Amino acid sequence: EWLLQLISVVPTDPHVLSKLGNLYDTEGDKSQAFHYYCES
C-alpha cells in the first residue's frame, strides 16, 4: 500500500517498481509481479 502511494509520487523509480514486483511475487501474485518488474 505504501509503495503504491510512493509510485504515485515517483512513478519512474526502478528500485521501487522492482520492490513492488518482489512483494507481489512473494504474495504469489505473478501477474502483478510481472507488471512491476517489466516497468522497472
Full PDB file with SEQRES, HELIX, SHEET, SSBOND, CRYST1, ORIGX, SCALE, CONECT and MASTER records, all heavy atoms in Angstrom:
SEQRES   1 A   40  GLU TRP LEU LEU GLN LEU ILE SER VAL VAL PRO THR ASP          
SEQRES   2 A   40  PRO HIS VAL LEU SER LYS LEU GLY ASN LEU TYR ASP THR          
SEQRES   3 A   40  GLU GLY ASP LYS SER GLN ALA PHE HIS TYR TYR CYS GLU          
SEQRES   4 A   40  SER                                                          
HELIX    1 AA1 TRP A    2  VAL A    9  1                                   8    
HELIX    2 AA2 PRO A   14  THR A   26  1                                  13    
HELIX    3 AA3 LYS A   30  GLU A   39  1                                  10    
CRYST1    1.000    1.000    1.000  90.00  90.00  90.00 P 1           1          
ORIGX1      1.000000  0.000000  0.000000        0.00000                         
ORIGX2      0.000000  1.000000  0.000000        0.00000                         
ORIGX3      0.000000  0.000000  1.000000        0.00000                         
SCALE1      1.000000  0.000000  0.000000        0.00000                         
SCALE2      0.000000  1.000000  0.000000        0.00000                         
SCALE3      0.000000  0.000000  1.000000        0.00000                         
ATOM      1  N   GLU A   1       0.833  -1.215   0.000  1.00  0.00           N  
ATOM      2  CA  GLU A   1       0.000   0.000   0.000  1.00  0.00           C  
ATOM      3  C   GLU A   1       0.865   1.262   0.000  1.00  0.00           C  
ATOM      4  O   GLU A   1       0.619   2.201  -0.752  1.00  0.00           O  
ATOM      5  CB  GLU A   1      -0.934   0.020   1.222  1.00  0.00           C  
ATOM      6  CG  GLU A   1      -2.103  -0.928   1.140  1.00  0.00           C  
ATOM      7  CD  GLU A   1      -2.993  -0.659  -0.062  1.00  0.00           C  
ATOM      8  OE1 GLU A   1      -3.348   0.499  -0.319  1.00  0.00           O  
ATOM      9  OE2 GLU A   1      -3.325  -1.630  -0.773  1.00  0.00           O  
ATOM     10  N   TRP A   2       1.897   1.272   0.850  1.00  0.00           N  
ATOM     11  CA  TRP A   2       2.769   2.457   0.925  1.00  0.00           C  
ATOM     12  C   TRP A   2       3.603   2.606  -0.340  1.00  0.00           C  
ATOM     13  O   TRP A   2       3.824   3.720  -0.812  1.00  0.00           O  
ATOM     14  CB  TRP A   2       3.662   2.383   2.175  1.00  0.00           C  
ATOM     15  CG  TRP A   2       2.877   2.629   3.428  1.00  0.00           C  
ATOM     16  CD1 TRP A   2       2.509   1.707   4.357  1.00  0.00           C  
ATOM     17  CD2 TRP A   2       2.314   3.870   3.868  1.00  0.00           C  
ATOM     18  NE1 TRP A   2       1.770   2.294   5.348  1.00  0.00           N  
ATOM     19  CE2 TRP A   2       1.637   3.623   5.086  1.00  0.00           C  
ATOM     20  CE3 TRP A   2       2.337   5.163   3.364  1.00  0.00           C  
ATOM     21  CZ2 TRP A   2       0.977   4.619   5.797  1.00  0.00           C  
ATOM     22  CZ3 TRP A   2       1.673   6.170   4.073  1.00  0.00           C  
ATOM     23  CH2 TRP A   2       1.009   5.895   5.272  1.00  0.00           C  
ATOM     24  N   LEU A   3       4.051   1.484  -0.915  1.00  0.00           N  
ATOM     25  CA  LEU A   3       4.822   1.567  -2.161  1.00  0.00           C  
ATOM     26  C   LEU A   3       3.950   2.051  -3.323  1.00  0.00           C  
ATOM     27  O   LEU A   3       4.419   2.792  -4.193  1.00  0.00           O  
ATOM     28  CB  LEU A   3       5.461   0.222  -2.496  1.00  0.00           C  
ATOM     29  CG  LEU A   3       6.646  -0.180  -1.618  1.00  0.00           C  
ATOM     30  CD1 LEU A   3       7.104  -1.588  -1.955  1.00  0.00           C  
ATOM     31  CD2 LEU A   3       7.816   0.794  -1.753  1.00  0.00           C  
ATOM     32  N   LEU A   4       2.675   1.676  -3.323  1.00  0.00           N  
ATOM     33  CA  LEU A   4       1.760   2.163  -4.366  1.00  0.00           C  
ATOM     34  C   LEU A   4       1.572   3.678  -4.239  1.00  0.00           C  
ATOM     35  O   LEU A   4       1.519   4.397  -5.244  1.00  0.00           O  
ATOM     36  CB  LEU A   4       0.414   1.428  -4.297  1.00  0.00           C  
ATOM     37  CG  LEU A   4       0.451  -0.035  -4.748  1.00  0.00           C  
ATOM     38  CD1 LEU A   4      -0.877  -0.725  -4.452  1.00  0.00           C  
ATOM     39  CD2 LEU A   4       0.807  -0.149  -6.231  1.00  0.00           C  
ATOM     40  N   GLN A   5       1.492   4.161  -2.990  1.00  0.00           N  
ATOM     41  CA  GLN A   5       1.440   5.618  -2.793  1.00  0.00           C  
ATOM     42  C   GLN A   5       2.732   6.266  -3.280  1.00  0.00           C  
ATOM     43  O   GLN A   5       2.716   7.336  -3.885  1.00  0.00           O  
ATOM     44  CB  GLN A   5       1.224   5.958  -1.319  1.00  0.00           C  
ATOM     45  CG  GLN A   5      -0.188   5.783  -0.836  1.00  0.00           C  
ATOM     46  CD  GLN A   5      -0.349   6.335   0.561  1.00  0.00           C  
ATOM     47  OE1 GLN A   5       0.023   7.476   0.853  1.00  0.00           O  
ATOM     48  NE2 GLN A   5      -0.899   5.528   1.455  1.00  0.00           N  
ATOM     49  N   LEU A   6       3.837   5.592  -3.002  1.00  0.00           N  
ATOM     50  CA  LEU A   6       5.142   6.127  -3.396  1.00  0.00           C  
ATOM     51  C   LEU A   6       5.263   6.245  -4.913  1.00  0.00           C  
ATOM     52  O   LEU A   6       5.740   7.262  -5.423  1.00  0.00           O  
ATOM     53  CB  LEU A   6       6.255   5.246  -2.823  1.00  0.00           C  
ATOM     54  CG  LEU A   6       7.693   5.604  -3.182  1.00  0.00           C  
ATOM     55  CD1 LEU A   6       8.033   7.042  -2.860  1.00  0.00           C  
ATOM     56  CD2 LEU A   6       8.658   4.663  -2.469  1.00  0.00           C  
ATOM     57  N   ILE A   7       4.812   5.233  -5.656  1.00  0.00           N  
ATOM     58  CA  ILE A   7       4.952   5.341  -7.115  1.00  0.00           C  
ATOM     59  C   ILE A   7       3.971   6.347  -7.721  1.00  0.00           C  
ATOM     60  O   ILE A   7       4.140   6.749  -8.863  1.00  0.00           O  
ATOM     61  CB  ILE A   7       4.882   3.984  -7.862  1.00  0.00           C  
ATOM     62  CG1 ILE A   7       3.560   3.285  -7.652  1.00  0.00           C  
ATOM     63  CG2 ILE A   7       6.068   3.113  -7.557  1.00  0.00           C  
ATOM     64  CD1 ILE A   7       3.345   2.127  -8.607  1.00  0.00           C  
ATOM     65  N   SER A   8       2.978   6.769  -6.944  1.00  0.00           N  
ATOM     66  CA  SER A   8       2.135   7.870  -7.431  1.00  0.00           C  
ATOM     67  C   SER A   8       2.896   9.191  -7.332  1.00  0.00           C  
ATOM     68  O   SER A   8       2.616  10.134  -8.052  1.00  0.00           O  
ATOM     69  CB  SER A   8       0.820   7.940  -6.653  1.00  0.00           C  
ATOM     70  OG  SER A   8       1.030   8.417  -5.344  1.00  0.00           O  
ATOM     71  N   VAL A   9       3.905   9.235  -6.455  1.00  0.00           N  
ATOM     72  CA  VAL A   9       4.740  10.436  -6.303  1.00  0.00           C  
ATOM     73  C   VAL A   9       5.954  10.363  -7.234  1.00  0.00           C  
ATOM     74  O   VAL A   9       6.322  11.347  -7.865  1.00  0.00           O  
ATOM     75  CB  VAL A   9       5.199  10.597  -4.832  1.00  0.00           C  
ATOM     76  CG1 VAL A   9       6.128  11.789  -4.673  1.00  0.00           C  
ATOM     77  CG2 VAL A   9       4.000  10.733  -3.904  1.00  0.00           C  
ATOM     78  N   VAL A  10       6.597   9.192  -7.305  1.00  0.00           N  
ATOM     79  CA  VAL A  10       7.762   8.996  -8.188  1.00  0.00           C  
ATOM     80  C   VAL A  10       7.514   7.775  -9.079  1.00  0.00           C  
ATOM     81  O   VAL A  10       8.022   6.686  -8.799  1.00  0.00           O  
ATOM     82  CB  VAL A  10       9.085   8.839  -7.383  1.00  0.00           C  
ATOM     83  CG1 VAL A  10       9.585  10.163  -6.861  1.00  0.00           C  
ATOM     84  CG2 VAL A  10       8.943   7.858  -6.235  1.00  0.00           C  
ATOM     85  N   PRO A  11       6.745   7.936 -10.147  1.00  0.00           N  
ATOM     86  CA  PRO A  11       6.330   6.779 -10.948  1.00  0.00           C  
ATOM     87  C   PRO A  11       7.432   6.105 -11.752  1.00  0.00           C  
ATOM     88  O   PRO A  11       7.232   5.004 -12.257  1.00  0.00           O  
ATOM     89  CB  PRO A  11       5.265   7.372 -11.883  1.00  0.00           C  
ATOM     90  CG  PRO A  11       5.538   8.816 -11.922  1.00  0.00           C  
ATOM     91  CD  PRO A  11       6.150   9.187 -10.607  1.00  0.00           C  
ATOM     92  N   THR A  12       8.603   6.732 -11.862  1.00  0.00           N  
ATOM     93  CA  THR A  12       9.651   6.158 -12.717  1.00  0.00           C  
ATOM     94  C   THR A  12      10.835   5.611 -11.931  1.00  0.00           C  
ATOM     95  O   THR A  12      11.907   5.401 -12.496  1.00  0.00           O  
ATOM     96  CB  THR A  12      10.165   7.223 -13.716  1.00  0.00           C  
ATOM     97  OG1 THR A  12      10.689   8.329 -12.969  1.00  0.00           O  
ATOM     98  CG2 THR A  12       9.049   7.707 -14.627  1.00  0.00           C  
ATOM     99  N   ASP A  13      10.672   5.367 -10.638  1.00  0.00           N  
ATOM    100  CA  ASP A  13      11.787   4.863  -9.831  1.00  0.00           C  
ATOM    101  C   ASP A  13      11.891   3.343  -9.999  1.00  0.00           C  
ATOM    102  O   ASP A  13      11.047   2.598  -9.501  1.00  0.00           O  
ATOM    103  CB  ASP A  13      11.573   5.210  -8.358  1.00  0.00           C  
ATOM    104  CG  ASP A  13      12.775   4.851  -7.501  1.00  0.00           C  
ATOM    105  OD1 ASP A  13      13.294   3.720  -7.634  1.00  0.00           O  
ATOM    106  OD2 ASP A  13      13.211   5.699  -6.704  1.00  0.00           O  
ATOM    107  N   PRO A  14      12.929   2.854 -10.714  1.00  0.00           N  
ATOM    108  CA  PRO A  14      13.021   1.415 -10.998  1.00  0.00           C  
ATOM    109  C   PRO A  14      13.213   0.570  -9.739  1.00  0.00           C  
ATOM    110  O   PRO A  14      12.751  -0.572  -9.678  1.00  0.00           O  
ATOM    111  CB  PRO A  14      14.221   1.309 -11.929  1.00  0.00           C  
ATOM    112  CG  PRO A  14      15.030   2.526 -11.683  1.00  0.00           C  
ATOM    113  CD  PRO A  14      14.063   3.598 -11.271  1.00  0.00           C  
ATOM    114  N   HIS A  15      13.870   1.118  -8.723  1.00  0.00           N  
ATOM    115  CA  HIS A  15      14.097   0.370  -7.482  1.00  0.00           C  
ATOM    116  C   HIS A  15      12.769   0.098  -6.778  1.00  0.00           C  
ATOM    117  O   HIS A  15      12.511  -1.024  -6.324  1.00  0.00           O  
ATOM    118  CB  HIS A  15      15.049   1.150  -6.563  1.00  0.00           C  
ATOM    119  CG  HIS A  15      15.275   0.505  -5.237  1.00  0.00           C  
ATOM    120  ND1 HIS A  15      15.969  -0.673  -5.092  1.00  0.00           N  
ATOM    121  CD2 HIS A  15      14.850   0.838  -3.999  1.00  0.00           C  
ATOM    122  CE1 HIS A  15      15.986  -1.022  -3.815  1.00  0.00           C  
ATOM    123  NE2 HIS A  15      15.304  -0.121  -3.133  1.00  0.00           N  
ATOM    124  N   VAL A  16      11.928   1.131  -6.696  1.00  0.00           N  
ATOM    125  CA  VAL A  16      10.628   0.978  -6.037  1.00  0.00           C  
ATOM    126  C   VAL A  16       9.748   0.015  -6.835  1.00  0.00           C  
ATOM    127  O   VAL A  16       9.072  -0.848  -6.262  1.00  0.00           O  
ATOM    128  CB  VAL A  16       9.931   2.348  -5.886  1.00  0.00           C  
ATOM    129  CG1 VAL A  16       8.521   2.184  -5.331  1.00  0.00           C  
ATOM    130  CG2 VAL A  16      10.750   3.254  -4.970  1.00  0.00           C  
ATOM    131  N   LEU A  17       9.788   0.137  -8.160  1.00  0.00           N  
ATOM    132  CA  LEU A  17       8.988  -0.753  -9.008  1.00  0.00           C  
ATOM    133  C   LEU A  17       9.418  -2.218  -8.847  1.00  0.00           C  
ATOM    134  O   LEU A  17       8.579  -3.115  -8.753  1.00  0.00           O  
ATOM    135  CB  LEU A  17       9.087  -0.313 -10.469  1.00  0.00           C  
ATOM    136  CG  LEU A  17       8.398   1.020 -10.794  1.00  0.00           C  
ATOM    137  CD1 LEU A  17       8.875   1.565 -12.133  1.00  0.00           C  
ATOM    138  CD2 LEU A  17       6.887   0.875 -10.778  1.00  0.00           C  
ATOM    139  N   SER A  18      10.738  -2.467  -8.777  1.00  0.00           N  
ATOM    140  CA  SER A  18      11.199  -3.853  -8.595  1.00  0.00           C  
ATOM    141  C   SER A  18      10.861  -4.359  -7.196  1.00  0.00           C  
ATOM    142  O   SER A  18      10.562  -5.535  -7.006  1.00  0.00           O  
ATOM    143  CB  SER A  18      12.698  -3.988  -8.884  1.00  0.00           C  
ATOM    144  OG  SER A  18      13.471  -3.412  -7.870  1.00  0.00           O  
ATOM    145  N   LYS A  19      10.880  -3.459  -6.209  1.00  0.00           N  
ATOM    146  CA  LYS A  19      10.496  -3.842  -4.842  1.00  0.00           C  
ATOM    147  C   LYS A  19       9.023  -4.268  -4.810  1.00  0.00           C  
ATOM    148  O   LYS A  19       8.664  -5.247  -4.163  1.00  0.00           O  
ATOM    149  CB  LYS A  19      10.739  -2.656  -3.901  1.00  0.00           C  
ATOM    150  CG  LYS A  19      10.957  -3.033  -2.458  1.00  0.00           C  
ATOM    151  CD  LYS A  19      11.390  -1.782  -1.715  1.00  0.00           C  
ATOM    152  CE  LYS A  19      12.096  -1.990  -0.421  1.00  0.00           C  
ATOM    153  NZ  LYS A  19      12.916  -3.127  -0.243  1.00  0.00           N  
ATOM    154  N   LEU A  20       8.188  -3.512  -5.532  1.00  0.00           N  
ATOM    155  CA  LEU A  20       6.780  -3.881  -5.638  1.00  0.00           C  
ATOM    156  C   LEU A  20       6.631  -5.246  -6.318  1.00  0.00           C  
ATOM    157  O   LEU A  20       5.849  -6.090  -5.870  1.00  0.00           O  
ATOM    158  CB  LEU A  20       6.019  -2.823  -6.441  1.00  0.00           C  
ATOM    159  CG  LEU A  20       5.239  -1.787  -5.642  1.00  0.00           C  
ATOM    160  CD1 LEU A  20       4.746  -0.677  -6.550  1.00  0.00           C  
ATOM    161  CD2 LEU A  20       4.101  -2.397  -4.872  1.00  0.00           C  
ATOM    162  N   GLY A  21       7.381  -5.449  -7.401  1.00  0.00           N  
ATOM    163  CA  GLY A  21       7.363  -6.736  -8.092  1.00  0.00           C  
ATOM    164  C   GLY A  21       7.738  -7.865  -7.152  1.00  0.00           C  
ATOM    165  O   GLY A  21       7.075  -8.920  -7.122  1.00  0.00           O  
ATOM    166  N   ASN A  22       8.774  -7.646  -6.353  1.00  0.00           N  
ATOM    167  CA  ASN A  22       9.232  -8.656  -5.407  1.00  0.00           C  
ATOM    168  C   ASN A  22       8.167  -8.976  -4.367  1.00  0.00           C  
ATOM    169  O   ASN A  22       7.928 -10.148  -4.039  1.00  0.00           O  
ATOM    170  CB  ASN A  22      10.522  -8.181  -4.733  1.00  0.00           C  
ATOM    171  CG  ASN A  22      11.048  -9.194  -3.738  1.00  0.00           C  
ATOM    172  OD1 ASN A  22      10.718  -9.133  -2.562  1.00  0.00           O  
ATOM    173  ND2 ASN A  22      11.844 -10.117  -4.212  1.00  0.00           N  
ATOM    174  N   LEU A  23       7.498  -7.931  -3.831  1.00  0.00           N  
ATOM    175  CA  LEU A  23       6.463  -8.159  -2.817  1.00  0.00           C  
ATOM    176  C   LEU A  23       5.275  -8.921  -3.398  1.00  0.00           C  
ATOM    177  O   LEU A  23       4.748  -9.835  -2.766  1.00  0.00           O  
ATOM    178  CB  LEU A  23       6.001  -6.815  -2.227  1.00  0.00           C  
ATOM    179  CG  LEU A  23       6.931  -6.228  -1.167  1.00  0.00           C  
ATOM    180  CD1 LEU A  23       6.559  -4.784  -0.854  1.00  0.00           C  
ATOM    181  CD2 LEU A  23       6.895  -7.061   0.104  1.00  0.00           C  
ATOM    182  N   TYR A  24       4.860  -8.530  -4.610  1.00  0.00           N  
ATOM    183  CA  TYR A  24       3.751  -9.251  -5.245  1.00  0.00           C  
ATOM    184  C   TYR A  24       4.142 -10.706  -5.521  1.00  0.00           C  
ATOM    185  O   TYR A  24       3.331 -11.621  -5.365  1.00  0.00           O  
ATOM    186  CB  TYR A  24       3.308  -8.556  -6.526  1.00  0.00           C  
ATOM    187  CG  TYR A  24       2.330  -7.433  -6.293  1.00  0.00           C  
ATOM    188  CD1 TYR A  24       2.642  -6.113  -6.614  1.00  0.00           C  
ATOM    189  CD2 TYR A  24       1.068  -7.686  -5.742  1.00  0.00           C  
ATOM    190  CE1 TYR A  24       1.747  -5.082  -6.405  1.00  0.00           C  
ATOM    191  CE2 TYR A  24       0.159  -6.659  -5.530  1.00  0.00           C  
ATOM    192  CZ  TYR A  24       0.502  -5.358  -5.863  1.00  0.00           C  
ATOM    193  OH  TYR A  24      -0.407  -4.344  -5.646  1.00  0.00           O  
ATOM    194  N   ASP A  25       5.398 -10.917  -5.924  1.00  0.00           N  
ATOM    195  CA  ASP A  25       5.880 -12.275  -6.180  1.00  0.00           C  
ATOM    196  C   ASP A  25       5.837 -13.100  -4.899  1.00  0.00           C  
ATOM    197  O   ASP A  25       5.386 -14.246  -4.892  1.00  0.00           O  
ATOM    198  CB  ASP A  25       7.301 -12.223  -6.743  1.00  0.00           C  
ATOM    199  CG  ASP A  25       7.804 -13.592  -7.178  1.00  0.00           C  
ATOM    200  OD1 ASP A  25       6.988 -14.400  -7.676  1.00  0.00           O  
ATOM    201  OD2 ASP A  25       9.013 -13.853  -7.022  1.00  0.00           O  
ATOM    202  N   THR A  26       6.291 -12.500  -3.805  1.00  0.00           N  
ATOM    203  CA  THR A  26       6.271 -13.174  -2.502  1.00  0.00           C  
ATOM    204  C   THR A  26       4.848 -13.539  -2.093  1.00  0.00           C  
ATOM    205  O   THR A  26       4.616 -14.585  -1.484  1.00  0.00           O  
ATOM    206  CB  THR A  26       6.909 -12.270  -1.428  1.00  0.00           C  
ATOM    207  OG1 THR A  26       8.224 -11.901  -1.861  1.00  0.00           O  
ATOM    208  CG2 THR A  26       7.026 -12.964  -0.087  1.00  0.00           C  
ATOM    209  N   GLU A  27       3.897 -12.673  -2.452  1.00  0.00           N  
ATOM    210  CA  GLU A  27       2.496 -12.905  -2.119  1.00  0.00           C  
ATOM    211  C   GLU A  27       1.822 -13.871  -3.086  1.00  0.00           C  
ATOM    212  O   GLU A  27       0.650 -14.197  -2.934  1.00  0.00           O  
ATOM    213  CB  GLU A  27       1.733 -11.572  -2.106  1.00  0.00           C  
ATOM    214  CG  GLU A  27       2.078 -10.679  -0.931  1.00  0.00           C  
ATOM    215  CD  GLU A  27       1.731 -11.316   0.406  1.00  0.00           C  
ATOM    216  OE1 GLU A  27       0.547 -11.361   0.761  1.00  0.00           O  
ATOM    217  OE2 GLU A  27       2.662 -11.802   1.081  1.00  0.00           O  
ATOM    218  N   GLY A  28       2.564 -14.292  -4.148  1.00  0.00           N  
ATOM    219  CA  GLY A  28       2.025 -15.266  -5.091  1.00  0.00           C  
ATOM    220  C   GLY A  28       1.229 -14.669  -6.246  1.00  0.00           C  
ATOM    221  O   GLY A  28       0.591 -15.397  -7.006  1.00  0.00           O  
ATOM    222  N   ASP A  29       1.257 -13.334  -6.376  1.00  0.00           N  
ATOM    223  CA  ASP A  29       0.529 -12.673  -7.462  1.00  0.00           C  
ATOM    224  C   ASP A  29       1.496 -12.430  -8.627  1.00  0.00           C  
ATOM    225  O   ASP A  29       2.090 -11.364  -8.762  1.00  0.00           O  
ATOM    226  CB  ASP A  29      -0.076 -11.359  -6.956  1.00  0.00           C  
ATOM    227  CG  ASP A  29      -1.029 -10.712  -7.955  1.00  0.00           C  
ATOM    228  OD1 ASP A  29      -0.946 -11.039  -9.155  1.00  0.00           O  
ATOM    229  OD2 ASP A  29      -1.843  -9.872  -7.528  1.00  0.00           O  
ATOM    230  N   LYS A  30       1.656 -13.456  -9.476  1.00  0.00           N  
ATOM    231  CA  LYS A  30       2.654 -13.400 -10.558  1.00  0.00           C  
ATOM    232  C   LYS A  30       2.335 -12.324 -11.594  1.00  0.00           C  
ATOM    233  O   LYS A  30       3.246 -11.700 -12.133  1.00  0.00           O  
ATOM    234  CB  LYS A  30       2.759 -14.759 -11.266  1.00  0.00           C  
ATOM    235  CG  LYS A  30       3.348 -15.854 -10.410  1.00  0.00           C  
ATOM    236  CD  LYS A  30       4.832 -15.712 -10.271  1.00  0.00           C  
ATOM    237  CE  LYS A  30       5.439 -16.888  -9.513  1.00  0.00           C  
ATOM    238  NZ  LYS A  30       6.780 -16.630  -9.052  1.00  0.00           N  
ATOM    239  N   SER A  31       1.056 -12.103 -11.892  1.00  0.00           N  
ATOM    240  CA  SER A  31       0.723 -11.133 -12.942  1.00  0.00           C  
ATOM    241  C   SER A  31       1.077  -9.711 -12.507  1.00  0.00           C  
ATOM    242  O   SER A  31       1.632  -8.929 -13.289  1.00  0.00           O  
ATOM    243  CB  SER A  31      -0.744 -11.228 -13.355  1.00  0.00           C  
ATOM    244  OG  SER A  31      -1.583 -10.866 -12.277  1.00  0.00           O  
ATOM    245  N   GLN A  32       0.797  -9.365 -11.240  1.00  0.00           N  
ATOM    246  CA  GLN A  32       1.171  -8.041 -10.737  1.00  0.00           C  
ATOM    247  C   GLN A  32       2.698  -7.937 -10.627  1.00  0.00           C  
ATOM    248  O   GLN A  32       3.271  -6.902 -10.945  1.00  0.00           O  
ATOM    249  CB  GLN A  32       0.536  -7.771  -9.369  1.00  0.00           C  
ATOM    250  CG  GLN A  32      -0.929  -7.400  -9.444  1.00  0.00           C  
ATOM    251  CD  GLN A  32      -1.139  -5.991  -9.981  1.00  0.00           C  
ATOM    252  OE1 GLN A  32      -0.681  -5.635 -11.067  1.00  0.00           O  
ATOM    253  NE2 GLN A  32      -1.851  -5.184  -9.234  1.00  0.00           N  
ATOM    254  N   ALA A  33       3.333  -9.013 -10.177  1.00  0.00           N  
ATOM    255  CA  ALA A  33       4.796  -9.027 -10.081  1.00  0.00           C  
ATOM    256  C   ALA A  33       5.400  -8.788 -11.457  1.00  0.00           C  
ATOM    257  O   ALA A  33       6.312  -7.960 -11.618  1.00  0.00           O  
ATOM    258  CB  ALA A  33       5.278 -10.352  -9.514  1.00  0.00           C  
ATOM    259  N   PHE A  34       4.879  -9.471 -12.463  1.00  0.00           N  
ATOM    260  CA  PHE A  34       5.365  -9.315 -13.837  1.00  0.00           C  
ATOM    261  C   PHE A  34       5.204  -7.872 -14.306  1.00  0.00           C  
ATOM    262  O   PHE A  34       6.127  -7.288 -14.888  1.00  0.00           O  
ATOM    263  CB  PHE A  34       4.597 -10.261 -14.770  1.00  0.00           C  
ATOM    264  CG  PHE A  34       4.943 -10.091 -16.226  1.00  0.00           C  
ATOM    265  CD1 PHE A  34       6.196 -10.458 -16.700  1.00  0.00           C  
ATOM    266  CD2 PHE A  34       4.029  -9.548 -17.118  1.00  0.00           C  
ATOM    267  CE1 PHE A  34       6.525 -10.296 -18.047  1.00  0.00           C  
ATOM    268  CE2 PHE A  34       4.349  -9.378 -18.461  1.00  0.00           C  
ATOM    269  CZ  PHE A  34       5.597  -9.755 -18.928  1.00  0.00           C  
ATOM    270  N   HIS A  35       4.045  -7.291 -14.025  1.00  0.00           N  
ATOM    271  CA  HIS A  35       3.790  -5.892 -14.433  1.00  0.00           C  
ATOM    272  C   HIS A  35       4.857  -4.957 -13.859  1.00  0.00           C  
ATOM    273  O   HIS A  35       5.449  -4.152 -14.588  1.00  0.00           O  
ATOM    274  CB  HIS A  35       2.390  -5.454 -13.985  1.00  0.00           C  
ATOM    275  CG  HIS A  35       2.157  -3.987 -14.129  1.00  0.00           C  
ATOM    276  ND1 HIS A  35       1.982  -3.377 -15.359  1.00  0.00           N  
ATOM    277  CD2 HIS A  35       2.109  -2.992 -13.210  1.00  0.00           C  
ATOM    278  CE1 HIS A  35       1.816  -2.075 -15.176  1.00  0.00           C  
ATOM    279  NE2 HIS A  35       1.894  -1.824 -13.888  1.00  0.00           N  
ATOM    280  N   TYR A  36       5.101  -5.045 -12.544  1.00  0.00           N  
ATOM    281  CA  TYR A  36       6.035  -4.105 -11.909  1.00  0.00           C  
ATOM    282  C   TYR A  36       7.491  -4.394 -12.261  1.00  0.00           C  
ATOM    283  O   TYR A  36       8.297  -3.475 -12.411  1.00  0.00           O  
ATOM    284  CB  TYR A  36       5.812  -4.050 -10.396  1.00  0.00           C  
ATOM    285  CG  TYR A  36       4.533  -3.307 -10.081  1.00  0.00           C  
ATOM    286  CD1 TYR A  36       3.409  -3.972  -9.605  1.00  0.00           C  
ATOM    287  CD2 TYR A  36       4.437  -1.939 -10.309  1.00  0.00           C  
ATOM    288  CE1 TYR A  36       2.229  -3.291  -9.352  1.00  0.00           C  
ATOM    289  CE2 TYR A  36       3.254  -1.250 -10.059  1.00  0.00           C  
ATOM    290  CZ  TYR A  36       2.163  -1.928  -9.588  1.00  0.00           C  
ATOM    291  OH  TYR A  36       0.996  -1.246  -9.347  1.00  0.00           O  
ATOM    292  N   TYR A  37       7.834  -5.669 -12.442  1.00  0.00           N  
ATOM    293  CA  TYR A  37       9.187  -5.984 -12.899  1.00  0.00           C  
ATOM    294  C   TYR A  37       9.410  -5.453 -14.317  1.00  0.00           C  
ATOM    295  O   TYR A  37      10.489  -4.937 -14.636  1.00  0.00           O  
ATOM    296  CB  TYR A  37       9.461  -7.481 -12.834  1.00  0.00           C  
ATOM    297  CG  TYR A  37       9.942  -7.963 -11.485  1.00  0.00           C  
ATOM    298  CD1 TYR A  37       9.290  -8.987 -10.804  1.00  0.00           C  
ATOM    299  CD2 TYR A  37      11.076  -7.408 -10.890  1.00  0.00           C  
ATOM    300  CE1 TYR A  37       9.746  -9.441  -9.577  1.00  0.00           C  
ATOM    301  CE2 TYR A  37      11.531  -7.850  -9.664  1.00  0.00           C  
ATOM    302  CZ  TYR A  37      10.868  -8.862  -9.014  1.00  0.00           C  
ATOM    303  OH  TYR A  37      11.327  -9.300  -7.785  1.00  0.00           O  
ATOM    304  N   CYS A  38       8.398  -5.565 -15.181  1.00  0.00           N  
ATOM    305  CA  CYS A  38       8.517  -5.026 -16.549  1.00  0.00           C  
ATOM    306  C   CYS A  38       8.703  -3.519 -16.525  1.00  0.00           C  
ATOM    307  O   CYS A  38       9.520  -2.964 -17.273  1.00  0.00           O  
ATOM    308  CB  CYS A  38       7.278  -5.373 -17.381  1.00  0.00           C  
ATOM    309  SG  CYS A  38       7.318  -7.042 -18.024  1.00  0.00           S  
ATOM    310  N   GLU A  39       7.934  -2.846 -15.657  1.00  0.00           N  
ATOM    311  CA  GLU A  39       8.060  -1.386 -15.531  1.00  0.00           C  
ATOM    312  C   GLU A  39       9.456  -1.004 -15.042  1.00  0.00           C  
ATOM    313  O   GLU A  39      10.077  -0.069 -15.544  1.00  0.00           O  
ATOM    314  CB  GLU A  39       6.996  -0.832 -14.569  1.00  0.00           C  
ATOM    315  CG  GLU A  39       5.608  -0.782 -15.145  1.00  0.00           C  
ATOM    316  CD  GLU A  39       5.507   0.184 -16.313  1.00  0.00           C  
ATOM    317  OE1 GLU A  39       5.566   1.397 -16.096  1.00  0.00           O  
ATOM    318  OE2 GLU A  39       5.399  -0.280 -17.464  1.00  0.00           O  
ATOM    319  N   SER A  40       9.950  -1.749 -14.061  1.00  0.00           N  
ATOM    320  CA  SER A  40      11.292  -1.497 -13.537  1.00  0.00           C  
ATOM    321  C   SER A  40      12.334  -1.680 -14.638  1.00  0.00           C  
ATOM    322  O   SER A  40      13.234  -0.850 -14.809  1.00  0.00           O  
ATOM    323  CB  SER A  40      11.582  -2.448 -12.370  1.00  0.00           C  
ATOM    324  OG  SER A  40      12.900  -2.282 -11.911  1.00  0.00           O  
TER     325      SER A  40                                                      
MASTER        0    0    0    3    0    0    0    6  324    1    0    4          
END                                                                             
